[in-house]
Amino acid sequence: MRKLALVVTILSASAALTFAGSELSSGKEMKQVVPPPPACPSWAGFYIGGFGGYKFVNADIAFDLSGHWNDRDVAPAGFIENVEDLGSGDLKPSGAEAGGLIGYNFQRNNWVIGLEATGAYLWGDDSRNFDPIDTSRLFLQTSVETHYLFTFGPRLGYAICRFLPYVTGGFAVGNPDFSQKIFIPSFISQTGRIDQAEVGLMVGGGLQYALTDHWSARAQYQYVDFGCDQTRSEGTANFGLSGFFADHKVCLTEHNVSFAIVYKF
């Protein structure tokens, strides 16, 4: 009996230790804590950045001849209408862009409002030349280039932690370099040109994502409308007769897509 009691005591003690060890292990596993998600960054403060993109540009051109061009002893029937059609229409001086930006944001709860200025150099040009086989008739050359674009305006966004969708609008400054030349050998050479800074309107929007508390990346779209510019040129024929007028008009719009890397101080 004493041996049996001793065996029962040993087995009971072993079971108790095993149960206690299991409980201890389970307690440690239950005490493991999942780390909290990273805190949402603040969008407030000064920031700078660089961007690149592409400009889809449309130049709507109108070309009209008047004055002595309408004299039937100077131009045959149908000539003026054909030349005006050849000089009118659309050109697409689209191209790449690269530039920088600077701005400041204020944040209240999830709402973010700020001001931003950008400047970019553009590689955009297009031209159309009419060179007939009969070189005694007419040469007509039309070209449009865009060299730079500056924008300035407010931004309004709603922060969703690290995401910031926003809209923007304001002013744009650019330089549509437009020229149109009509040349008839042994008769006349006449050129109209517009090359000056123009102020237009800009609207757009984008989505920005905070990579860290300081670095972020964004994609943005802008629509820019510079309106229409017009100039009149006057030519003098080789025999001294002046008053050959030509009206040159160009209306420029842009659809701009860009991607930027931004650093907030």
C-alpha atoms as a PDB file:
ATOM      1  CA  MET A   1       0.000   0.000   0.000  1.00  0.00           C
ATOM      2  CA  ARG A   2       2.813   2.371   0.807  1.00  0.00           C
ATOM      3  CA  LYS A   3       4.348   1.764  -2.644  1.00  0.00           C
ATOM      4  CA  LEU A   4       1.006   2.329  -4.327  1.00  0.00           C
ATOM      5  CA  ALA A   5       0.494   5.584  -2.414  1.00  0.00           C
ATOM      6  CA  LEU A   6       3.976   6.739  -3.389  1.00  0.00           C
ATOM      7  CA  VAL A   7       3.329   6.029  -7.087  1.00  0.00           C
ATOM      8  CA  VAL A   8      -0.001   7.908  -6.988  1.00  0.00           C
ATOM      9  CA  THR A   9       1.653  10.884  -5.315  1.00  0.00           C
ATOM     10  CA  ILE A  10       4.433  11.035  -7.932  1.00  0.00           C
ATOM     11  CA  LEU A  11       1.955  10.826 -10.835  1.00  0.00           C
ATOM     12  CA  SER A  12      -0.237  13.551  -9.328  1.00  0.00           C
ATOM     13  CA  ALA A  13       2.742  15.865  -8.869  1.00  0.00           C
ATOM     14  CA  SER A  14       3.855  15.281 -12.483  1.00  0.00           C
ATOM     15  CA  ALA A  15       0.373  16.069 -13.821  1.00  0.00           C
ATOM     16  CA  ALA A  16       0.185  19.239 -11.745  1.00  0.00           C
ATOM     17  CA  LEU A  17       3.582  20.463 -13.080  1.00  0.00           C
ATOM     18  CA  THR A  18       2.563  19.660 -16.636  1.00  0.00           C
ATOM     19  CA  PHE A  19      -0.726  21.579 -16.285  1.00  0.00           C
ATOM     20  CA  ALA A  20       1.040  24.533 -14.651  1.00  0.00           C
ATOM     21  CA  GLY A  21       3.599  24.659 -17.464  1.00  0.00           C
ATOM     22  CA  SER A  22       0.867  24.646 -20.073  1.00  0.00           C
ATOM     23  CA  GLU A  23      -0.944  27.475 -18.312  1.00  0.00           C
ATOM     24  CA  LEU A  24       2.304  29.471 -18.029  1.00  0.00           C
ATOM     25  CA  SER A  25       3.024  29.048 -21.741  1.00  0.00           C
ATOM     26  CA  SER A  26      -0.513  30.069 -22.690  1.00  0.00           C
ATOM     27  CA  GLY A  27      -0.256  33.144 -20.499  1.00  0.00           C
ATOM     28  CA  LYS A  28       2.908  34.324 -22.257  1.00  0.00           C
ATOM     29  CA  GLU A  29       1.278  33.866 -25.663  1.00  0.00           C
ATOM     30  CA  MET A  30      -1.778  35.840 -24.573  1.00  0.00           C
ATOM     31  CA  LYS A  31       0.404  38.710 -23.369  1.00  0.00           C
ATOM     32  CA  GLN A  32       1.958  39.334 -26.865  1.00  0.00           C
ATOM     33  CA  VAL A  33       0.845  42.830 -28.076  1.00  0.00           C
ATOM     34  CA  VAL A  34       0.359  43.768 -31.748  1.00  0.00           C
ATOM     35  CA  PRO A  35       2.345  46.987 -32.487  1.00  0.00           C
ATOM     36  CA  PRO A  36       0.115  50.008 -33.234  1.00  0.00           C
ATOM     37  CA  PRO A  37      -0.069  51.326 -36.816  1.00  0.00           C
ATOM     38  CA  PRO A  38       2.214  54.274 -37.632  1.00  0.00           C
ATOM     39  CA  ALA A  39       0.760  57.683 -36.830  1.00  0.00           C
ATOM     40  CA  CYS A  40      -0.679  59.786 -39.663  1.00  0.00           C
ATOM     41  CA  PRO A  41       1.747  62.495 -40.839  1.00  0.00           C
ATOM     42  CA  SER A  42       1.046  66.196 -40.643  1.00  0.00           C
ATOM     43  CA  TRP A  43       0.626  67.948 -43.989  1.00  0.00           C
ATOM     44  CA  ALA A  44       1.206  71.438 -42.542  1.00  0.00           C
ATOM     45  CA  GLY A  45       4.353  73.435 -43.314  1.00  0.00           C
ATOM     46  CA  PHE A  46       6.639  74.578 -46.120  1.00  0.00           C
ATOM     47  CA  TYR A  47       7.553  72.186 -48.911  1.00  0.00           C
ATOM     48  CA  ILE A  48       9.589  72.081 -52.107  1.00  0.00           C
ATOM     49  CA  GLY A  49       9.788  69.547 -54.907  1.00  0.00           C
ATOM     50  CA  GLY A  50      10.672  68.623 -58.441  1.00  0.00           C
ATOM     51  CA  PHE A  51       8.428  67.246 -61.161  1.00  0.00           C
ATOM     52  CA  GLY A  52       8.311  65.991 -64.717  1.00  0.00           C
ATOM     53  CA  GLY A  53       5.480  65.306 -67.102  1.00  0.00           C
ATOM     54  CA  TYR A  54       3.952  65.826 -70.495  1.00  0.00           C
ATOM     55  CA  LYS A  55       1.916  68.678 -72.000  1.00  0.00           C
ATOM     56  CA  PHE A  56      -0.836  67.901 -74.502  1.00  0.00           C
ATOM     57  CA  VAL A  57      -1.179  71.280 -76.256  1.00  0.00           C
ATOM     58  CA  ASN A  58      -3.676  72.440 -78.874  1.00  0.00           C
ATOM     59  CA  ALA A  59      -3.156  75.607 -80.931  1.00  0.00           C
ATOM     60  CA  ASP A  60      -6.259  76.639 -82.889  1.00  0.00           C
ATOM     61  CA  ILE A  61      -5.146  78.926 -85.742  1.00  0.00           C
ATOM     62  CA  ALA A  62      -7.138  81.264 -87.953  1.00  0.00           C
ATOM     63  CA  PHE A  63      -5.596  83.003 -91.000  1.00  0.00           C
ATOM     64  CA  ASP A  64      -7.323  85.721 -93.041  1.00  0.00           C
ATOM     65  CA  LEU A  65      -6.072  87.820 -95.963  1.00  0.00           C
ATOM     66  CA  SER A  66      -7.435  91.253 -96.807  1.00  0.00           C
ATOM     67  CA  GLY A  67      -6.491  94.530 -98.474  1.00  0.00           C
ATOM     68  CA  HIS A  68      -4.856  94.194-101.895  1.00  0.00           C
ATOM     69  CA  TRP A  69      -4.883  90.410-101.528  1.00  0.00           C
ATOM     70  CA  ASN A  70      -8.530  90.600-102.577  1.00  0.00           C
ATOM     71  CA  ASP A  71      -7.756  92.438-105.844  1.00  0.00           C
ATOM     72  CA  ARG A  72      -8.651  90.098-108.673  1.00  0.00           C
ATOM     73  CA  ASP A  73      -5.785  91.384-110.795  1.00  0.00           C
ATOM     74  CA  VAL A  74      -3.403  90.289-108.005  1.00  0.00           C
ATOM     75  CA  ALA A  75      -4.907  86.944-106.973  1.00  0.00           C
ATOM     76  CA  PRO A  76      -6.992  84.685-109.209  1.00  0.00           C
ATOM     77  CA  ALA A  77     -10.459  83.503-108.193  1.00  0.00           C
ATOM     78  CA  GLY A  78     -10.363  80.967-105.367  1.00  0.00           C
ATOM     79  CA  PHE A  79      -6.725  81.679-104.514  1.00  0.00           C
ATOM     80  CA  ILE A  80      -7.405  83.628-101.306  1.00  0.00           C
ATOM     81  CA  GLU A  81      -9.868  81.064 -99.971  1.00  0.00           C
ATOM     82  CA  ASN A  82      -7.430  78.220-100.578  1.00  0.00           C
ATOM     83  CA  VAL A  83      -4.555  80.051 -98.902  1.00  0.00           C
ATOM     84  CA  GLU A  84      -6.699  80.929 -95.870  1.00  0.00           C
ATOM     85  CA  ASP A  85      -7.725  77.280 -95.506  1.00  0.00           C
ATOM     86  CA  LEU A  86      -4.091  76.171 -95.703  1.00  0.00           C
ATOM     87  CA  GLY A  87      -3.091  78.670 -93.002  1.00  0.00           C
ATOM     88  CA  SER A  88      -5.927  77.797 -90.604  1.00  0.00           C
ATOM     89  CA  GLY A  89      -6.567  74.715 -88.483  1.00  0.00           C
ATOM     90  CA  ASP A  90      -4.934  73.077 -85.459  1.00  0.00           C
ATOM     91  CA  LEU A  91      -1.312  72.458 -84.523  1.00  0.00           C
ATOM     92  CA  LYS A  92      -0.189  70.232 -81.613  1.00  0.00           C
ATOM     93  CA  PRO A  93       2.962  71.689 -80.002  1.00  0.00           C
ATOM     94  CA  SER A  94       2.937  69.005 -77.301  1.00  0.00           C
ATOM     95  CA  GLY A  95       6.028  67.879 -75.445  1.00  0.00           C
ATOM     96  CA  ALA A  96       7.752  66.990 -72.194  1.00  0.00           C
ATOM     97  CA  GLU A  97       8.248  69.302 -69.220  1.00  0.00           C
ATOM     98  CA  ALA A  98      10.513  69.477 -66.163  1.00  0.00           C
ATOM     99  CA  GLY A  99      10.457  71.928 -63.290  1.00  0.00           C
ATOM    100  CA  GLY A 100      10.170  72.699 -59.598  1.00  0.00           C
ATOM    101  CA  LEU A 101       7.550  73.740 -57.047  1.00  0.00           C
ATOM    102  CA  ILE A 102       7.302  75.496 -53.685  1.00  0.00           C
ATOM    103  CA  GLY A 103       4.357  75.915 -51.340  1.00  0.00           C
ATOM    104  CA  TYR A 104       2.910  76.052 -47.844  1.00  0.00           C
ATOM    105  CA  ASN A 105       0.046  74.082 -46.276  1.00  0.00           C
ATOM    106  CA  PHE A 106      -2.226  74.776 -43.316  1.00  0.00           C
ATOM    107  CA  GLN A 107      -4.062  71.830 -41.741  1.00  0.00           C
ATOM    108  CA  ARG A 108      -7.143  71.785 -39.506  1.00  0.00           C
ATOM    109  CA  ASN A 109      -8.335  68.288 -38.621  1.00  0.00           C
ATOM    110  CA  ASN A 110      -8.463  66.533 -42.006  1.00  0.00           C
ATOM    111  CA  TRP A 111      -8.779  69.662 -44.146  1.00  0.00           C
ATOM    112  CA  VAL A 112      -5.628  70.962 -45.823  1.00  0.00           C
ATOM    113  CA  ILE A 113      -5.427  74.330 -47.578  1.00  0.00           C
ATOM    114  CA  GLY A 114      -2.329  75.879 -49.077  1.00  0.00           C
ATOM    115  CA  LEU A 115      -0.681  78.009 -51.743  1.00  0.00           C
ATOM    116  CA  GLU A 116       1.674  76.688 -54.401  1.00  0.00           C
ATOM    117  CA  ALA A 117       3.837  78.103 -57.193  1.00  0.00           C
ATOM    118  CA  THR A 118       5.436  76.044 -59.974  1.00  0.00           C
ATOM    119  CA  GLY A 119       7.785  76.736 -62.860  1.00  0.00           C
ATOM    120  CA  ALA A 120       8.701  74.445 -65.738  1.00  0.00           C
ATOM    121  CA  TYR A 121      10.583  74.387 -69.019  1.00  0.00           C
ATOM    122  CA  LEU A 122       8.704  72.870 -71.953  1.00  0.00           C
ATOM    123  CA  TRP A 123       9.887  71.021 -75.029  1.00  0.00           C
ATOM    124  CA  GLY A 124       6.886  71.574 -77.298  1.00  0.00           C
ATOM    125  CA  ASP A 125       6.709  72.606 -80.947  1.00  0.00           C
ATOM    126  CA  ASP A 126       4.798  71.846 -84.127  1.00  0.00           C
ATOM    127  CA  SER A 127       4.767  73.290 -87.628  1.00  0.00           C
ATOM    128  CA  ARG A 128       3.064  72.955 -90.961  1.00  0.00           C
ATOM    129  CA  ASN A 129       4.607  73.962 -94.277  1.00  0.00           C
ATOM    130  CA  PHE A 130       2.888  74.190 -97.621  1.00  0.00           C
ATOM    131  CA  ASP A 131       5.524  73.801-100.330  1.00  0.00           C
ATOM    132  CA  PRO A 132       3.872  73.275-103.708  1.00  0.00           C
ATOM    133  CA  ILE A 133       5.576  71.556-106.595  1.00  0.00           C
ATOM    134  CA  ASP A 134       5.044  74.703-108.629  1.00  0.00           C
ATOM    135  CA  THR A 135       7.558  76.922-106.794  1.00  0.00           C
ATOM    136  CA  SER A 136       6.396  79.991-108.709  1.00  0.00           C
ATOM    137  CA  ARG A 137       3.143  79.979-106.734  1.00  0.00           C
ATOM    138  CA  LEU A 138       3.199  80.019-102.954  1.00  0.00           C
ATOM    139  CA  PHE A 139       5.009  78.977 -99.785  1.00  0.00           C
ATOM    140  CA  LEU A 140       3.070  79.092 -96.498  1.00  0.00           C
ATOM    141  CA  GLN A 141       4.794  78.310 -93.195  1.00  0.00           C
ATOM    142  CA  THR A 142       3.054  78.101 -89.796  1.00  0.00           C
ATOM    143  CA  SER A 143       4.710  77.155 -86.485  1.00  0.00           C
ATOM    144  CA  VAL A 144       3.948  77.205 -82.751  1.00  0.00           C
ATOM    145  CA  GLU A 145       6.343  76.635 -79.847  1.00  0.00           C
ATOM    146  CA  THR A 146       5.947  76.767 -76.044  1.00  0.00           C
ATOM    147  CA  HIS A 147       9.034  77.277 -73.878  1.00  0.00           C
ATOM    148  CA  TYR A 148       7.901  77.732 -70.282  1.00  0.00           C
ATOM    149  CA  LEU A 149       4.907  77.580 -67.929  1.00  0.00           C
ATOM    150  CA  PHE A 150       4.451  79.145 -64.475  1.00  0.00           C
ATOM    151  CA  THR A 151       1.389  78.536 -62.272  1.00  0.00           C
ATOM    152  CA  PHE A 152       0.266  80.034 -58.977  1.00  0.00           C
ATOM    153  CA  GLY A 153      -2.832  79.266 -56.928  1.00  0.00           C
ATOM    154  CA  PRO A 154      -4.430  77.732 -53.836  1.00  0.00           C
ATOM    155  CA  ARG A 155      -4.942  74.040 -53.106  1.00  0.00           C
ATOM    156  CA  LEU A 156      -7.738  72.443 -51.094  1.00  0.00           C
ATOM    157  CA  GLY A 157      -7.425  68.851 -49.928  1.00  0.00           C
ATOM    158  CA  TYR A 158      -8.845  66.322 -47.472  1.00  0.00           C
ATOM    159  CA  ALA A 159      -6.252  64.172 -45.717  1.00  0.00           C
ATOM    160  CA  ILE A 160      -7.012  60.475 -45.369  1.00  0.00           C
ATOM    161  CA  CYS A 161      -4.005  59.680 -43.185  1.00  0.00           C
ATOM    162  CA  ARG A 162      -1.164  59.276 -45.722  1.00  0.00           C
ATOM    163  CA  PHE A 163      -3.336  60.067 -48.755  1.00  0.00           C
ATOM    164  CA  LEU A 164      -4.173  63.642 -49.761  1.00  0.00           C
ATOM    165  CA  PRO A 165      -6.587  64.096 -52.686  1.00  0.00           C
ATOM    166  CA  TYR A 166      -6.876  67.777 -53.629  1.00  0.00           C
ATOM    167  CA  VAL A 167      -8.140  70.303 -56.155  1.00  0.00           C
ATOM    168  CA  THR A 168      -6.360  73.437 -57.346  1.00  0.00           C
ATOM    169  CA  GLY A 169      -6.914  76.487 -59.495  1.00  0.00           C
ATOM    170  CA  GLY A 170      -5.346  79.845 -60.231  1.00  0.00           C
ATOM    171  CA  PHE A 171      -3.251  81.658 -62.809  1.00  0.00           C
ATOM    172  CA  ALA A 172      -0.808  80.475 -65.437  1.00  0.00           C
ATOM    173  CA  VAL A 173       1.872  82.368 -67.370  1.00  0.00           C
ATOM    174  CA  GLY A 174       3.303  81.034 -70.628  1.00  0.00           C
ATOM    175  CA  ASN A 175       4.673  82.143 -73.985  1.00  0.00           C
ATOM    176  CA  PRO A 176       3.010  80.874 -77.155  1.00  0.00           C
ATOM    177  CA  ASP A 177       5.675  81.583 -79.800  1.00  0.00           C
ATOM    178  CA  PHE A 178       3.581  81.682 -82.988  1.00  0.00           C
ATOM    179  CA  SER A 179       4.690  82.700 -86.466  1.00  0.00           C
ATOM    180  CA  GLN A 180       3.148  82.534 -89.918  1.00  0.00           C
ATOM    181  CA  LYS A 181       4.829  83.440 -93.181  1.00  0.00           C
ATOM    182  CA  ILE A 182       3.474  83.718 -96.691  1.00  0.00           C
ATOM    183  CA  PHE A 183       5.993  83.872 -99.531  1.00  0.00           C
ATOM    184  CA  ILE A 184       5.421  84.138-103.256  1.00  0.00           C
ATOM    185  CA  PRO A 185       8.694  84.231-105.239  1.00  0.00           C
ATOM    186  CA  SER A 186       9.353  87.465-107.136  1.00  0.00           C
ATOM    187  CA  PHE A 187       6.226  88.998-105.592  1.00  0.00           C
ATOM    188  CA  ILE A 188       5.951  89.246-101.777  1.00  0.00           C
ATOM    189  CA  SER A 189       7.223  87.913 -98.445  1.00  0.00           C
ATOM    190  CA  GLN A 190       5.064  88.656 -95.398  1.00  0.00           C
ATOM    191  CA  THR A 191       5.341  87.426 -91.777  1.00  0.00           C
ATOM    192  CA  GLY A 192       3.142  87.712 -88.690  1.00  0.00           C
ATOM    193  CA  ARG A 193       4.439  86.707 -85.266  1.00  0.00           C
ATOM    194  CA  ILE A 194       3.258  86.547 -81.637  1.00  0.00           C
ATOM    195  CA  ASP A 195       5.994  85.923 -79.043  1.00  0.00           C
ATOM    196  CA  GLN A 196       5.159  87.349 -75.629  1.00  0.00           C
ATOM    197  CA  ALA A 197       4.211  86.315 -72.106  1.00  0.00           C
ATOM    198  CA  GLU A 198       0.516  85.524 -71.728  1.00  0.00           C
ATOM    199  CA  VAL A 199      -1.603  85.107 -68.586  1.00  0.00           C
ATOM    200  CA  GLY A 200      -4.230  82.376 -68.523  1.00  0.00           C
ATOM    201  CA  LEU A 201      -6.387  80.372 -66.131  1.00  0.00           C
ATOM    202  CA  MET A 202      -5.522  77.006 -64.569  1.00  0.00           C
ATOM    203  CA  VAL A 203      -7.685  74.349 -62.867  1.00  0.00           C
ATOM    204  CA  GLY A 204      -6.806  70.814 -61.859  1.00  0.00           C
ATOM    205  CA  GLY A 205      -6.397  68.250 -59.144  1.00  0.00           C
ATOM    206  CA  GLY A 206      -4.218  65.436 -57.909  1.00  0.00           C
ATOM    207  CA  LEU A 207      -3.426  62.759 -55.352  1.00  0.00           C
ATOM    208  CA  GLN A 208      -0.458  62.923 -52.961  1.00  0.00           C
ATOM    209  CA  TYR A 209       0.907  60.101 -50.793  1.00  0.00           C
ATOM    210  CA  ALA A 210       3.194  60.537 -47.774  1.00  0.00           C
ATOM    211  CA  LEU A 211       6.099  58.078 -48.031  1.00  0.00           C
ATOM    212  CA  THR A 212       7.517  59.302 -44.690  1.00  0.00           C
ATOM    213  CA  ASP A 213       6.875  62.257 -42.385  1.00  0.00           C
ATOM    214  CA  HIS A 214       8.868  64.452 -44.797  1.00  0.00           C
ATOM    215  CA  TRP A 215       8.855  62.824 -48.248  1.00  0.00           C
ATOM    216  CA  SER A 216       5.796  62.378 -50.448  1.00  0.00           C
ATOM    217  CA  ALA A 217       4.939  61.608 -54.079  1.00  0.00           C
ATOM    218  CA  ARG A 218       2.054  62.891 -56.163  1.00  0.00           C
ATOM    219  CA  ALA A 219       0.344  62.728 -59.544  1.00  0.00           C
ATOM    220  CA  GLN A 220      -1.453  65.803 -60.893  1.00  0.00           C
ATOM    221  CA  TYR A 221      -3.570  66.987 -63.825  1.00  0.00           C
ATOM    222  CA  GLN A 222      -3.995  70.614 -64.948  1.00  0.00           C
ATOM    223  CA  TYR A 223      -6.052  72.294 -67.633  1.00  0.00           C
ATOM    224  CA  VAL A 224      -4.677  75.651 -68.798  1.00  0.00           C
ATOM    225  CA  ASP A 225      -6.422  78.125 -71.110  1.00  0.00           C
ATOM    226  CA  PHE A 226      -4.429  81.076 -72.467  1.00  0.00           C
ATOM    227  CA  GLY A 227      -7.272  82.395 -74.582  1.00  0.00           C
ATOM    228  CA  CYS A 228      -6.610  83.865 -78.037  1.00  0.00           C
ATOM    229  CA  ASP A 229      -3.962  86.253 -79.377  1.00  0.00           C
ATOM    230  CA  GLN A 230      -4.159  88.066 -82.675  1.00  0.00           C
ATOM    231  CA  THR A 231      -1.806  90.145 -84.774  1.00  0.00           C
ATOM    232  CA  ARG A 232      -1.921  91.782 -88.199  1.00  0.00           C
ATOM    233  CA  SER A 233       0.944  91.880 -90.653  1.00  0.00           C
ATOM    234  CA  GLU A 234       1.314  94.103 -93.704  1.00  0.00           C
ATOM    235  CA  GLY A 235       3.313  93.234 -96.739  1.00  0.00           C
ATOM    236  CA  THR A 236       4.677  95.275 -99.641  1.00  0.00           C
ATOM    237  CA  ALA A 237       4.955  93.734-103.076  1.00  0.00           C
ATOM    238  CA  ASN A 238       8.219  93.875-105.002  1.00  0.00           C
ATOM    239  CA  PHE A 239       6.775  96.518-107.311  1.00  0.00           C
ATOM    240  CA  GLY A 240       6.154  98.842-104.323  1.00  0.00           C
ATOM    241  CA  LEU A 241       2.431  98.344-103.723  1.00  0.00           C
ATOM    242  CA  SER A 242       1.688  98.083 -99.956  1.00  0.00           C
ATOM    243  CA  GLY A 243      -1.517  97.227 -98.119  1.00  0.00           C
ATOM    244  CA  PHE A 244      -1.354  93.422 -98.303  1.00  0.00           C
ATOM    245  CA  PHE A 245      -2.866  92.627 -94.896  1.00  0.00           C
ATOM    246  CA  ALA A 246      -2.979  89.294 -93.088  1.00  0.00           C
ATOM    247  CA  ASP A 247      -4.670  88.595 -89.750  1.00  0.00           C
ATOM    248  CA  HIS A 248      -3.061  85.820 -87.700  1.00  0.00           C
ATOM    249  CA  LYS A 249      -4.898  84.393 -84.672  1.00  0.00           C
ATOM    250  CA  VAL A 250      -3.924  81.582 -82.295  1.00  0.00           C
ATOM    251  CA  CYS A 251      -5.881  80.139 -79.329  1.00  0.00           C
ATOM    252  CA  LEU A 252      -3.802  77.965 -76.965  1.00  0.00           C
ATOM    253  CA  THR A 253      -5.002  75.338 -74.448  1.00  0.00           C
ATOM    254  CA  GLU A 254      -3.047  72.701 -72.505  1.00  0.00           C
ATOM    255  CA  HIS A 255      -3.771  69.404 -70.757  1.00  0.00           C
ATOM    256  CA  ASN A 256      -0.861  68.757 -68.394  1.00  0.00           C
ATOM    257  CA  VAL A 257      -0.031  65.514 -66.583  1.00  0.00           C
ATOM    258  CA  SER A 258       2.881  65.508 -64.115  1.00  0.00           C
ATOM    259  CA  PHE A 259       4.494  63.445 -61.347  1.00  0.00           C
ATOM    260  CA  ALA A 260       6.388  65.046 -58.439  1.00  0.00           C
ATOM    261  CA  ILE A 261       8.601  64.182 -55.480  1.00  0.00           C
ATOM    262  CA  VAL A 262       8.012  66.585 -52.560  1.00  0.00           C
ATOM    263  CA  TYR A 263       9.966  67.301 -49.369  1.00  0.00           C
ATOM    264  CA  LYS A 264       8.160  68.958 -46.426  1.00  0.00           C
ATOM    265  CA  PHE A 265      10.248  70.760 -43.807  1.00  0.00           C
END
